[in-house]
C-alpha atoms as a PDB file:
ATOM      1  CA  MET A   1      -7.956  12.165  11.258  1.00  0.00           C
ATOM      2  CA  ASN A   2      -7.277   9.620   8.549  1.00  0.00           C
ATOM      3  CA  LYS A   3      -7.637  12.123   5.697  1.00  0.00           C
ATOM      4  CA  VAL A   4      -5.012  11.965   2.941  1.00  0.00           C
ATOM      5  CA  GLY A   5      -4.013  14.414   0.372  1.00  0.00           C
ATOM      6  CA  ASP A   6      -2.883  14.293  -3.242  1.00  0.00           C
ATOM      7  CA  HIS A   7       0.567  12.663  -3.426  1.00  0.00           C
ATOM      8  CA  THR A   8       0.951  12.878  -7.194  1.00  0.00           C
ATOM      9  CA  ALA A   9       4.239  14.858  -6.807  1.00  0.00           C
ATOM     10  CA  LEU A  10       5.759  11.770  -5.113  1.00  0.00           C
ATOM     11  CA  MET A  11       5.340   9.846  -8.387  1.00  0.00           C
ATOM     12  CA  ALA A  12       7.477  12.242 -10.424  1.00  0.00           C
ATOM     13  CA  GLY A  13      10.778  10.817 -11.607  1.00  0.00           C
ATOM     14  CA  ILE A  14      10.098   7.211 -10.498  1.00  0.00           C
ATOM     15  CA  ASP A  15      11.067   4.616 -13.096  1.00  0.00           C
ATOM     16  CA  PHE A  16       8.620   1.905 -12.273  1.00  0.00           C
ATOM     17  CA  VAL A  17       5.961   1.966  -9.579  1.00  0.00           C
ATOM     18  CA  PRO A  18       3.030  -0.365  -9.625  1.00  0.00           C
ATOM     19  CA  THR A  19      -0.219   1.569  -9.629  1.00  0.00           C
ATOM     20  CA  ASP A  20      -3.826   1.064  -8.664  1.00  0.00           C
ATOM     21  CA  PRO A  21      -6.558   3.759  -8.695  1.00  0.00           C
ATOM     22  CA  TYR A  22      -7.284   3.206  -4.994  1.00  0.00           C
ATOM     23  CA  ALA A  23      -3.687   2.899  -3.764  1.00  0.00           C
ATOM     24  CA  ILE A  24      -1.921   6.141  -2.893  1.00  0.00           C
ATOM     25  CA  LEU A  25       1.906   6.037  -2.843  1.00  0.00           C
ATOM     26  CA  HIS A  26       2.930   6.932   0.748  1.00  0.00           C
ATOM     27  CA  ILE A  27       6.645   6.107   0.966  1.00  0.00           C
ATOM     28  CA  TYR A  28       8.817   6.203  -2.150  1.00  0.00           C
ATOM     29  CA  LYS A  29       8.235   3.058  -4.168  1.00  0.00           C
ATOM     30  CA  GLN A  30       7.536   0.782  -1.157  1.00  0.00           C
ATOM     31  CA  ILE A  31       4.377   1.635   0.797  1.00  0.00           C
ATOM     32  CA  TRP A  32       0.808   2.568  -0.303  1.00  0.00           C
ATOM     33  CA  CYS A  33      -2.312   3.340   1.654  1.00  0.00           C
ATOM     34  CA  VAL A  34      -5.690   2.448   0.301  1.00  0.00           C
ATOM     35  CA  ALA A  35      -8.010   5.379   0.962  1.00  0.00           C
ATOM     36  CA  PRO A  36     -11.115   5.628  -1.102  1.00  0.00           C
ATOM     37  CA  HIS A  37     -13.182   8.668  -0.066  1.00  0.00           C
ATOM     38  CA  GLY A  38     -10.181  10.003   1.866  1.00  0.00           C
ATOM     39  CA  LYS A  39     -10.259   7.483   4.735  1.00  0.00           C
ATOM     40  CA  ILE A  40      -7.383   4.985   5.103  1.00  0.00           C
ATOM     41  CA  LEU A  41      -8.642   1.395   5.073  1.00  0.00           C
ATOM     42  CA  GLY A  42      -5.317  -0.417   5.014  1.00  0.00           C
ATOM     43  CA  TRP A  43      -1.708  -0.418   3.875  1.00  0.00           C
ATOM     44  CA  ILE A  44       0.242  -2.280   1.192  1.00  0.00           C
ATOM     45  CA  ARG A  45       4.002  -2.960   1.463  1.00  0.00           C
ATOM     46  CA  TRP A  46       5.988  -4.037  -1.664  1.00  0.00           C
ATOM     47  CA  ASP A  47       8.920  -6.358  -1.452  1.00  0.00           C
ATOM     48  CA  GLU A  48      11.723  -5.698  -3.895  1.00  0.00           C
ATOM     49  CA  PRO A  49      12.161  -8.548  -6.389  1.00  0.00           C
ATOM     50  CA  LYS A  50      13.801 -11.643  -4.894  1.00  0.00           C
ATOM     51  CA  SER A  51      14.150 -15.205  -6.098  1.00  0.00           C
ATOM     52  CA  HIS A  52      10.417 -15.751  -5.349  1.00  0.00           C
ATOM     53  CA  GLY A  53       9.291 -12.627  -7.129  1.00  0.00           C
ATOM     54  CA  ARG A  54       7.561  -9.415  -6.035  1.00  0.00           C
ATOM     55  CA  MET A  55       4.910  -9.642  -3.282  1.00  0.00           C
ATOM     56  CA  PHE A  56       2.479  -6.991  -2.074  1.00  0.00           C
ATOM     57  CA  HIS A  57       1.734  -7.491   1.665  1.00  0.00           C
ATOM     58  CA  VAL A  58      -1.564  -6.167   3.131  1.00  0.00           C
ATOM     59  CA  TYR A  59      -1.543  -4.707   6.576  1.00  0.00           C
ATOM     60  CA  SER A  60      -4.390  -3.415   8.735  1.00  0.00           C
ATOM     61  CA  HIS A  61      -4.802   0.268   9.408  1.00  0.00           C
ATOM     62  CA  GLY A  62      -5.135  -0.417  13.131  1.00  0.00           C
ATOM     63  CA  LEU A  63      -2.331  -1.457  15.406  1.00  0.00           C
ATOM     64  CA  ASP A  64      -1.956  -4.490  17.629  1.00  0.00           C
ATOM     65  CA  ASP A  65      -1.263  -4.346  21.424  1.00  0.00           C
ATOM     66  CA  LYS A  66       2.460  -3.878  20.684  1.00  0.00           C
ATOM     67  CA  GLY A  67       1.839  -0.850  18.440  1.00  0.00           C
ATOM     68  CA  LYS A  68       2.559  -2.610  15.137  1.00  0.00           C
ATOM     69  CA  ARG A  69       0.443  -2.960  12.022  1.00  0.00           C
ATOM     70  CA  VAL A  70      -1.018  -6.412  11.625  1.00  0.00           C
ATOM     71  CA  TRP A  71      -0.085  -8.427   8.531  1.00  0.00           C
ATOM     72  CA  VAL A  72      -3.185  -9.853   6.835  1.00  0.00           C
ATOM     73  CA  LYS A  73      -2.345 -11.478   3.486  1.00  0.00           C
ATOM     74  CA  SER A  74       0.094 -11.267   0.522  1.00  0.00           C
ATOM     75  CA  PHE A  75      -0.592 -10.966  -3.201  1.00  0.00           C
ATOM     76  CA  GLU A  76       1.469 -11.004  -6.457  1.00  0.00           C
ATOM     77  CA  LYS A  77      -0.203  -7.787  -7.780  1.00  0.00           C
ATOM     78  CA  ILE A  78      -0.983  -4.476  -6.228  1.00  0.00           C
ATOM     79  CA  GLY A  79      -4.488  -4.417  -7.743  1.00  0.00           C
ATOM     80  CA  LEU A  80      -5.343  -7.673  -5.977  1.00  0.00           C
ATOM     81  CA  ALA A  81      -4.042  -6.330  -2.662  1.00  0.00           C
ATOM     82  CA  ALA A  82      -6.006  -3.061  -3.054  1.00  0.00           C
ATOM     83  CA  THR A  83      -9.167  -4.910  -3.991  1.00  0.00           C
ATOM     84  CA  PHE A  84      -8.778  -7.145  -0.936  1.00  0.00           C
ATOM     85  CA  ILE A  85      -8.510  -4.138   1.317  1.00  0.00           C
ATOM     86  CA  ARG A  86     -11.581  -2.422  -0.279  1.00  0.00           C
END
């Protein structure tokens, strides 16, 4: 089952977290799943700021033959990453 629940409580007390209406915070301030209609379509991982700036990396929901998520593409904004997945 790929159903997801309401993770609003995870957002409490976080100083800055990028948001998107279709991206659900999964792991504190770092990983989101994109799950419109309760089904996970893909994942977004956020790099902490570095010299090249923040990046949001899109990963598939499925796994490769080694059991790892497949990197697809990177974006500068979470909204762009979530739109790409949808």
